[in-house]
Amino acid sequence: MRDALMTGYGPKLIPGVTPEDRITVATRVVNCDGGGGTLGHPRVALRIVDQQVTCPYCSRTYVLAADAAEDHGH
């Protein structure tokens, strides 16, 4: 989840309403546009600081793969 102190936002999951997508990724920076083309949201770049990050628009959660290489900000 996003750091509440950094953004002040933490999605509240509502069963049957909030997407429960958990997408495993191999990099610490992911781009999310909500999918669905015109029904999505503006494309945002999200950085995984610990093990996961949740999109503030669509609540999709991106989880860093266990075998992902370390990214040193380059």
PDB file of N, CA and C in Angstrom:
ATOM      1  N   MET A   1       0.834  -1.186   0.000  1.00  0.00           N
ATOM      2  CA  MET A   1       0.000   0.000   0.000  1.00  0.00           C
ATOM      3  C   MET A   1       0.875   1.243   0.000  1.00  0.00           C
ATOM      4  N   ARG A   2       0.311   2.326  -0.440  1.00  0.00           N
ATOM      5  CA  ARG A   2       1.044   3.583  -0.405  1.00  0.00           C
ATOM      6  C   ARG A   2       1.230   4.031   1.032  1.00  0.00           C
ATOM      7  N   ASP A   3       2.289   4.764   1.254  1.00  0.00           N
ATOM      8  CA  ASP A   3       2.584   5.316   2.561  1.00  0.00           C
ATOM      9  C   ASP A   3       1.594   6.434   2.859  1.00  0.00           C
ATOM     10  N   ALA A   4       0.775   6.245   3.858  1.00  0.00           N
ATOM     11  CA  ALA A   4      -0.252   7.240   4.184  1.00  0.00           C
ATOM     12  C   ALA A   4       0.335   8.590   4.549  1.00  0.00           C
ATOM     13  N   LEU A   5       1.537   8.612   5.109  1.00  0.00           N
ATOM     14  CA  LEU A   5       2.168   9.887   5.449  1.00  0.00           C
ATOM     15  C   LEU A   5       2.633  10.630   4.214  1.00  0.00           C
ATOM     16  N   MET A   6       2.928   9.899   3.141  1.00  0.00           N
ATOM     17  CA  MET A   6       3.415  10.534   1.932  1.00  0.00           C
ATOM     18  C   MET A   6       2.270  11.079   1.074  1.00  0.00           C
ATOM     19  N   THR A   7       1.184  10.337   0.945  1.00  0.00           N
ATOM     20  CA  THR A   7       0.110  10.742   0.050  1.00  0.00           C
ATOM     21  C   THR A   7      -1.186  11.086   0.761  1.00  0.00           C
ATOM     22  N   GLY A   8      -1.360  10.578   1.963  1.00  0.00           N
ATOM     23  CA  GLY A   8      -2.613  10.791   2.651  1.00  0.00           C
ATOM     24  C   GLY A   8      -3.738   9.945   2.075  1.00  0.00           C
ATOM     25  N   TYR A   9      -3.401   9.023   1.204  1.00  0.00           N
ATOM     26  CA  TYR A   9      -4.420   8.222   0.549  1.00  0.00           C
ATOM     27  C   TYR A   9      -4.125   6.750   0.717  1.00  0.00           C
ATOM     28  N   GLY A  10      -5.085   6.008   1.147  1.00  0.00           N
ATOM     29  CA  GLY A  10      -4.992   4.555   1.217  1.00  0.00           C
ATOM     30  C   GLY A  10      -6.334   3.997   0.810  1.00  0.00           C
ATOM     31  N   PRO A  11      -6.414   3.324  -0.334  1.00  0.00           N
ATOM     32  CA  PRO A  11      -7.715   2.848  -0.802  1.00  0.00           C
ATOM     33  C   PRO A  11      -8.377   1.922   0.213  1.00  0.00           C
ATOM     34  N   LYS A  12      -9.667   2.068   0.365  1.00  0.00           N
ATOM     35  CA  LYS A  12     -10.432   1.184   1.225  1.00  0.00           C
ATOM     36  C   LYS A  12     -11.107   0.164   0.325  1.00  0.00           C
ATOM     37  N   LEU A  13     -10.746  -1.106   0.517  1.00  0.00           N
ATOM     38  CA  LEU A  13     -11.273  -2.151  -0.340  1.00  0.00           C
ATOM     39  C   LEU A  13     -12.720  -2.468   0.014  1.00  0.00           C
ATOM     40  N   ILE A  14     -13.573  -2.493  -1.011  1.00  0.00           N
ATOM     41  CA  ILE A  14     -14.979  -2.822  -0.847  1.00  0.00           C
ATOM     42  C   ILE A  14     -15.245  -4.061  -1.695  1.00  0.00           C
ATOM     43  N   PRO A  15     -15.531  -5.200  -1.068  1.00  0.00           N
ATOM     44  CA  PRO A  15     -15.752  -6.430  -1.826  1.00  0.00           C
ATOM     45  C   PRO A  15     -16.824  -6.259  -2.896  1.00  0.00           C
ATOM     46  N   GLY A  16     -16.524  -6.717  -4.099  1.00  0.00           N
ATOM     47  CA  GLY A  16     -17.461  -6.628  -5.206  1.00  0.00           C
ATOM     48  C   GLY A  16     -17.445  -5.300  -5.930  1.00  0.00           C
ATOM     49  N   VAL A  17     -16.771  -4.298  -5.375  1.00  0.00           N
ATOM     50  CA  VAL A  17     -16.709  -2.977  -6.001  1.00  0.00           C
ATOM     51  C   VAL A  17     -15.282  -2.627  -6.379  1.00  0.00           C
ATOM     52  N   THR A  18     -14.370  -2.715  -5.427  1.00  0.00           N
ATOM     53  CA  THR A  18     -12.975  -2.381  -5.659  1.00  0.00           C
ATOM     54  C   THR A  18     -12.279  -3.533  -6.375  1.00  0.00           C
ATOM     55  N   PRO A  19     -11.537  -3.235  -7.453  1.00  0.00           N
ATOM     56  CA  PRO A  19     -10.802  -4.314  -8.124  1.00  0.00           C
ATOM     57  C   PRO A  19      -9.831  -4.978  -7.160  1.00  0.00           C
ATOM     58  N   GLU A  20      -9.749  -6.283  -7.247  1.00  0.00           N
ATOM     59  CA  GLU A  20      -8.838  -7.017  -6.391  1.00  0.00           C
ATOM     60  C   GLU A  20      -7.654  -7.528  -7.198  1.00  0.00           C
ATOM     61  N   ASP A  21      -7.304  -6.788  -8.245  1.00  0.00           N
ATOM     62  CA  ASP A  21      -6.191  -7.181  -9.103  1.00  0.00           C
ATOM     63  C   ASP A  21      -4.887  -7.089  -8.343  1.00  0.00           C
ATOM     64  N   ARG A  22      -4.135  -8.170  -8.342  1.00  0.00           N
ATOM     65  CA  ARG A  22      -2.780  -8.192  -7.785  1.00  0.00           C
ATOM     66  C   ARG A  22      -1.892  -8.633  -8.930  1.00  0.00           C
ATOM     67  N   ILE A  23      -1.103  -7.712  -9.422  1.00  0.00           N
ATOM     68  CA  ILE A  23      -0.262  -7.961 -10.586  1.00  0.00           C
ATOM     69  C   ILE A  23       1.187  -8.063 -10.131  1.00  0.00           C
ATOM     70  N   THR A  24       1.824  -9.191 -10.439  1.00  0.00           N
ATOM     71  CA  THR A  24       3.227  -9.390 -10.076  1.00  0.00           C
ATOM     72  C   THR A  24       4.097  -8.776 -11.161  1.00  0.00           C
ATOM     73  N   VAL A  25       5.076  -7.958 -10.746  1.00  0.00           N
ATOM     74  CA  VAL A  25       5.958  -7.269 -11.685  1.00  0.00           C
ATOM     75  C   VAL A  25       7.412  -7.523 -11.312  1.00  0.00           C
ATOM     76  N   ALA A  26       8.302  -7.307 -12.269  1.00  0.00           N
ATOM     77  CA  ALA A  26       9.729  -7.577 -12.058  1.00  0.00           C
ATOM     78  C   ALA A  26      10.545  -6.311 -11.840  1.00  0.00           C
ATOM     79  N   THR A  27       9.920  -5.140 -11.943  1.00  0.00           N
ATOM     80  CA  THR A  27      10.640  -3.878 -11.744  1.00  0.00           C
ATOM     81  C   THR A  27       9.960  -3.050 -10.663  1.00  0.00           C
ATOM     82  N   ARG A  28      10.709  -2.138 -10.077  1.00  0.00           N
ATOM     83  CA  ARG A  28      10.170  -1.315  -8.995  1.00  0.00           C
ATOM     84  C   ARG A  28       9.339  -0.133  -9.493  1.00  0.00           C
ATOM     85  N   VAL A  29       9.428   0.202 -10.780  1.00  0.00           N
ATOM     86  CA  VAL A  29       8.620   1.280 -11.333  1.00  0.00           C
ATOM     87  C   VAL A  29       7.635   0.673 -12.325  1.00  0.00           C
ATOM     88  N   VAL A  30       6.353   0.932 -12.100  1.00  0.00           N
ATOM     89  CA  VAL A  30       5.317   0.421 -12.995  1.00  0.00           C
ATOM     90  C   VAL A  30       4.439   1.577 -13.445  1.00  0.00           C
ATOM     91  N   ASN A  31       3.861   1.449 -14.627  1.00  0.00           N
ATOM     92  CA  ASN A  31       2.931   2.437 -15.146  1.00  0.00           C
ATOM     93  C   ASN A  31       1.534   1.841 -15.123  1.00  0.00           C
ATOM     94  N   CYS A  32       0.576   2.596 -14.649  1.00  0.00           N
ATOM     95  CA  CYS A  32      -0.804   2.127 -14.578  1.00  0.00           C
ATOM     96  C   CYS A  32      -1.706   3.146 -15.268  1.00  0.00           C
ATOM     97  N   ASP A  33      -2.589   2.642 -16.137  1.00  0.00           N
ATOM     98  CA  ASP A  33      -3.579   3.510 -16.772  1.00  0.00           C
ATOM     99  C   ASP A  33      -4.990   2.975 -16.550  1.00  0.00           C
ATOM    100  N   GLY A  34      -5.113   2.017 -15.645  1.00  0.00           N
ATOM    101  CA  GLY A  34      -6.418   1.469 -15.316  1.00  0.00           C
ATOM    102  C   GLY A  34      -6.937   0.453 -16.307  1.00  0.00           C
ATOM    103  N   GLY A  35      -6.217   0.270 -17.418  1.00  0.00           N
ATOM    104  CA  GLY A  35      -6.698  -0.654 -18.440  1.00  0.00           C
ATOM    105  C   GLY A  35      -7.979  -0.147 -19.056  1.00  0.00           C
ATOM    106  N   GLY A  36      -8.559  -0.897 -19.912  1.00  0.00           N
ATOM    107  CA  GLY A  36      -9.859  -0.522 -20.460  1.00  0.00           C
ATOM    108  C   GLY A  36      -9.841   0.646 -21.421  1.00  0.00           C
ATOM    109  N   GLY A  37      -8.674   1.066 -21.896  1.00  0.00           N
ATOM    110  CA  GLY A  37      -8.608   2.143 -22.893  1.00  0.00           C
ATOM    111  C   GLY A  37      -9.225   3.428 -22.393  1.00  0.00           C
ATOM    112  N   THR A  38     -10.282   3.897 -23.067  1.00  0.00           N
ATOM    113  CA  THR A  38     -10.901   5.175 -22.703  1.00  0.00           C
ATOM    114  C   THR A  38     -11.628   5.118 -21.365  1.00  0.00           C
ATOM    115  N   LEU A  39     -11.871   3.918 -20.862  1.00  0.00           N
ATOM    116  CA  LEU A  39     -12.544   3.794 -19.568  1.00  0.00           C
ATOM    117  C   LEU A  39     -11.549   3.736 -18.411  1.00  0.00           C
ATOM    118  N   GLY A  40     -10.267   3.864 -18.718  1.00  0.00           N
ATOM    119  CA  GLY A  40      -9.231   3.818 -17.685  1.00  0.00           C
ATOM    120  C   GLY A  40      -9.087   5.159 -16.993  1.00  0.00           C
ATOM    121  N   HIS A  41      -7.852   5.481 -16.604  1.00  0.00           N
ATOM    122  CA  HIS A  41      -7.567   6.748 -15.939  1.00  0.00           C
ATOM    123  C   HIS A  41      -6.249   7.278 -16.492  1.00  0.00           C
ATOM    124  N   PRO A  42      -5.841   8.496 -16.112  1.00  0.00           N
ATOM    125  CA  PRO A  42      -4.564   9.027 -16.598  1.00  0.00           C
ATOM    126  C   PRO A  42      -3.425   8.081 -16.221  1.00  0.00           C
ATOM    127  N   ARG A  43      -2.466   7.951 -17.106  1.00  0.00           N
ATOM    128  CA  ARG A  43      -1.329   7.065 -16.850  1.00  0.00           C
ATOM    129  C   ARG A  43      -0.450   7.662 -15.753  1.00  0.00           C
ATOM    130  N   VAL A  44      -0.161   6.851 -14.742  1.00  0.00           N
ATOM    131  CA  VAL A  44       0.680   7.285 -13.634  1.00  0.00           C
ATOM    132  C   VAL A  44       1.824   6.293 -13.452  1.00  0.00           C
ATOM    133  N   ALA A  45       2.973   6.815 -13.052  1.00  0.00           N
ATOM    134  CA  ALA A  45       4.124   5.969 -12.740  1.00  0.00           C
ATOM    135  C   ALA A  45       4.142   5.768 -11.233  1.00  0.00           C
ATOM    136  N   LEU A  46       4.199   4.505 -10.826  1.00  0.00           N
ATOM    137  CA  LEU A  46       4.197   4.161  -9.413  1.00  0.00           C
ATOM    138  C   LEU A  46       5.509   3.484  -9.065  1.00  0.00           C
ATOM    139  N   ARG A  47       6.089   3.824  -7.916  1.00  0.00           N
ATOM    140  CA  ARG A  47       7.345   3.217  -7.480  1.00  0.00           C
ATOM    141  C   ARG A  47       7.072   2.305  -6.294  1.00  0.00           C
ATOM    142  N   ILE A  48       7.554   1.075  -6.410  1.00  0.00           N
ATOM    143  CA  ILE A  48       7.426   0.109  -5.318  1.00  0.00           C
ATOM    144  C   ILE A  48       8.602   0.336  -4.373  1.00  0.00           C
ATOM    145  N   VAL A  49       8.312   0.785  -3.167  1.00  0.00           N
ATOM    146  CA  VAL A  49       9.351   1.074  -2.192  1.00  0.00           C
ATOM    147  C   VAL A  49       9.697  -0.180  -1.402  1.00  0.00           C
ATOM    148  N   ASP A  50       8.693  -0.897  -0.938  1.00  0.00           N
ATOM    149  CA  ASP A  50       8.932  -2.095  -0.130  1.00  0.00           C
ATOM    150  C   ASP A  50       8.646  -3.326  -0.986  1.00  0.00           C
ATOM    151  N   GLN A  51       7.443  -3.845  -0.942  1.00  0.00           N
ATOM    152  CA  GLN A  51       7.095  -5.036  -1.715  1.00  0.00           C
ATOM    153  C   GLN A  51       5.901  -4.829  -2.628  1.00  0.00           C
ATOM    154  N   GLN A  52       5.106  -3.770  -2.397  1.00  0.00           N
ATOM    155  CA  GLN A  52       3.938  -3.559  -3.240  1.00  0.00           C
ATOM    156  C   GLN A  52       3.531  -2.096  -3.227  1.00  0.00           C
ATOM    157  N   VAL A  53       2.726  -1.730  -4.223  1.00  0.00           N
ATOM    158  CA  VAL A  53       2.168  -0.389  -4.300  1.00  0.00           C
ATOM    159  C   VAL A  53       0.765  -0.507  -4.885  1.00  0.00           C
ATOM    160  N   THR A  54      -0.136   0.355  -4.432  1.00  0.00           N
ATOM    161  CA  THR A  54      -1.512   0.344  -4.911  1.00  0.00           C
ATOM    162  C   THR A  54      -1.789   1.630  -5.677  1.00  0.00           C
ATOM    163  N   CYS A  55      -2.394   1.499  -6.843  1.00  0.00           N
ATOM    164  CA  CYS A  55      -2.715   2.665  -7.666  1.00  0.00           C
ATOM    165  C   CYS A  55      -3.797   3.490  -6.975  1.00  0.00           C
ATOM    166  N   PRO A  56      -3.579   4.800  -6.814  1.00  0.00           N
ATOM    167  CA  PRO A  56      -4.572   5.635  -6.137  1.00  0.00           C
ATOM    168  C   PRO A  56      -5.840   5.858  -6.962  1.00  0.00           C
ATOM    169  N   TYR A  57      -5.778   5.587  -8.282  1.00  0.00           N
ATOM    170  CA  TYR A  57      -6.959   5.755  -9.129  1.00  0.00           C
ATOM    171  C   TYR A  57      -7.850   4.514  -9.140  1.00  0.00           C
ATOM    172  N   CYS A  58      -7.259   3.346  -9.444  1.00  0.00           N
ATOM    173  CA  CYS A  58      -8.072   2.152  -9.677  1.00  0.00           C
ATOM    174  C   CYS A  58      -7.893   1.070  -8.622  1.00  0.00           C
ATOM    175  N   SER A  59      -7.011   1.273  -7.667  1.00  0.00           N
ATOM    176  CA  SER A  59      -6.770   0.346  -6.557  1.00  0.00           C
ATOM    177  C   SER A  59      -6.152  -0.980  -6.979  1.00  0.00           C
ATOM    178  N   ARG A  60      -5.587  -1.059  -8.186  1.00  0.00           N
ATOM    179  CA  ARG A  60      -4.843  -2.257  -8.543  1.00  0.00           C
ATOM    180  C   ARG A  60      -3.572  -2.277  -7.716  1.00  0.00           C
ATOM    181  N   THR A  61      -3.193  -3.463  -7.267  1.00  0.00           N
ATOM    182  CA  THR A  61      -1.999  -3.604  -6.453  1.00  0.00           C
ATOM    183  C   THR A  61      -0.920  -4.289  -7.265  1.00  0.00           C
ATOM    184  N   TYR A  62       0.240  -3.668  -7.324  1.00  0.00           N
ATOM    185  CA  TYR A  62       1.395  -4.226  -8.022  1.00  0.00           C
ATOM    186  C   TYR A  62       2.347  -4.771  -6.973  1.00  0.00           C
ATOM    187  N   VAL A  63       2.690  -6.053  -7.118  1.00  0.00           N
ATOM    188  CA  VAL A  63       3.526  -6.750  -6.146  1.00  0.00           C
ATOM    189  C   VAL A  63       4.857  -7.079  -6.805  1.00  0.00           C
ATOM    190  N   LEU A  64       5.948  -6.765  -6.132  1.00  0.00           N
ATOM    191  CA  LEU A  64       7.281  -7.045  -6.656  1.00  0.00           C
ATOM    192  C   LEU A  64       7.550  -8.541  -6.564  1.00  0.00           C
ATOM    193  N   ALA A  65       7.972  -9.139  -7.673  1.00  0.00           N
ATOM    194  CA  ALA A  65       8.280 -10.568  -7.707  1.00  0.00           C
ATOM    195  C   ALA A  65       9.437 -10.880  -6.774  1.00  0.00           C
ATOM    196  N   ALA A  66       9.409 -12.055  -6.177  1.00  0.00           N
ATOM    197  CA  ALA A  66      10.449 -12.449  -5.232  1.00  0.00           C
ATOM    198  C   ALA A  66      11.818 -12.523  -5.894  1.00  0.00           C
ATOM    199  N   ASP A  67      11.863 -12.851  -7.167  1.00  0.00           N
ATOM    200  CA  ASP A  67      13.150 -12.988  -7.869  1.00  0.00           C
ATOM    201  C   ASP A  67      13.536 -11.732  -8.652  1.00  0.00           C
ATOM    202  N   ALA A  68      12.883 -10.593  -8.367  1.00  0.00           N
ATOM    203  CA  ALA A  68      13.184  -9.349  -9.078  1.00  0.00           C
ATOM    204  C   ALA A  68      14.569  -8.847  -8.695  1.00  0.00           C
ATOM    205  N   ALA A  69      15.284  -8.336  -9.679  1.00  0.00           N
ATOM    206  CA  ALA A  69      16.626  -7.785  -9.428  1.00  0.00           C
ATOM    207  C   ALA A  69      16.490  -6.451  -8.687  1.00  0.00           C
ATOM    208  N   GLU A  70      17.506  -6.120  -7.917  1.00  0.00           N
ATOM    209  CA  GLU A  70      17.505  -4.843  -7.202  1.00  0.00           C
ATOM    210  C   GLU A  70      17.647  -3.698  -8.200  1.00  0.00           C
ATOM    211  N   ASP A  71      16.881  -2.667  -7.963  1.00  0.00           N
ATOM    212  CA  ASP A  71      16.920  -1.466  -8.789  1.00  0.00           C
ATOM    213  C   ASP A  71      17.489  -0.357  -7.926  1.00  0.00           C
ATOM    214  N   HIS A  72      18.577   0.227  -8.349  1.00  0.00           N
ATOM    215  CA  HIS A  72      19.242   1.256  -7.546  1.00  0.00           C
ATOM    216  C   HIS A  72      18.933   2.655  -8.040  1.00  0.00           C
ATOM    217  N   GLY A  73      17.731   2.838  -8.608  1.00  0.00           N
ATOM    218  CA  GLY A  73      17.295   4.168  -9.019  1.00  0.00           C
ATOM    219  C   GLY A  73      17.859   4.634 -10.350  1.00  0.00           C
ATOM    220  N   HIS A  74      18.383   3.748 -11.150  1.00  0.00           N
ATOM    221  CA  HIS A  74      18.916   4.145 -12.456  1.00  0.00           C
ATOM    222  C   HIS A  74      18.004   3.722 -13.553  1.00  0.00           C
TER     223      HIS A  74
END
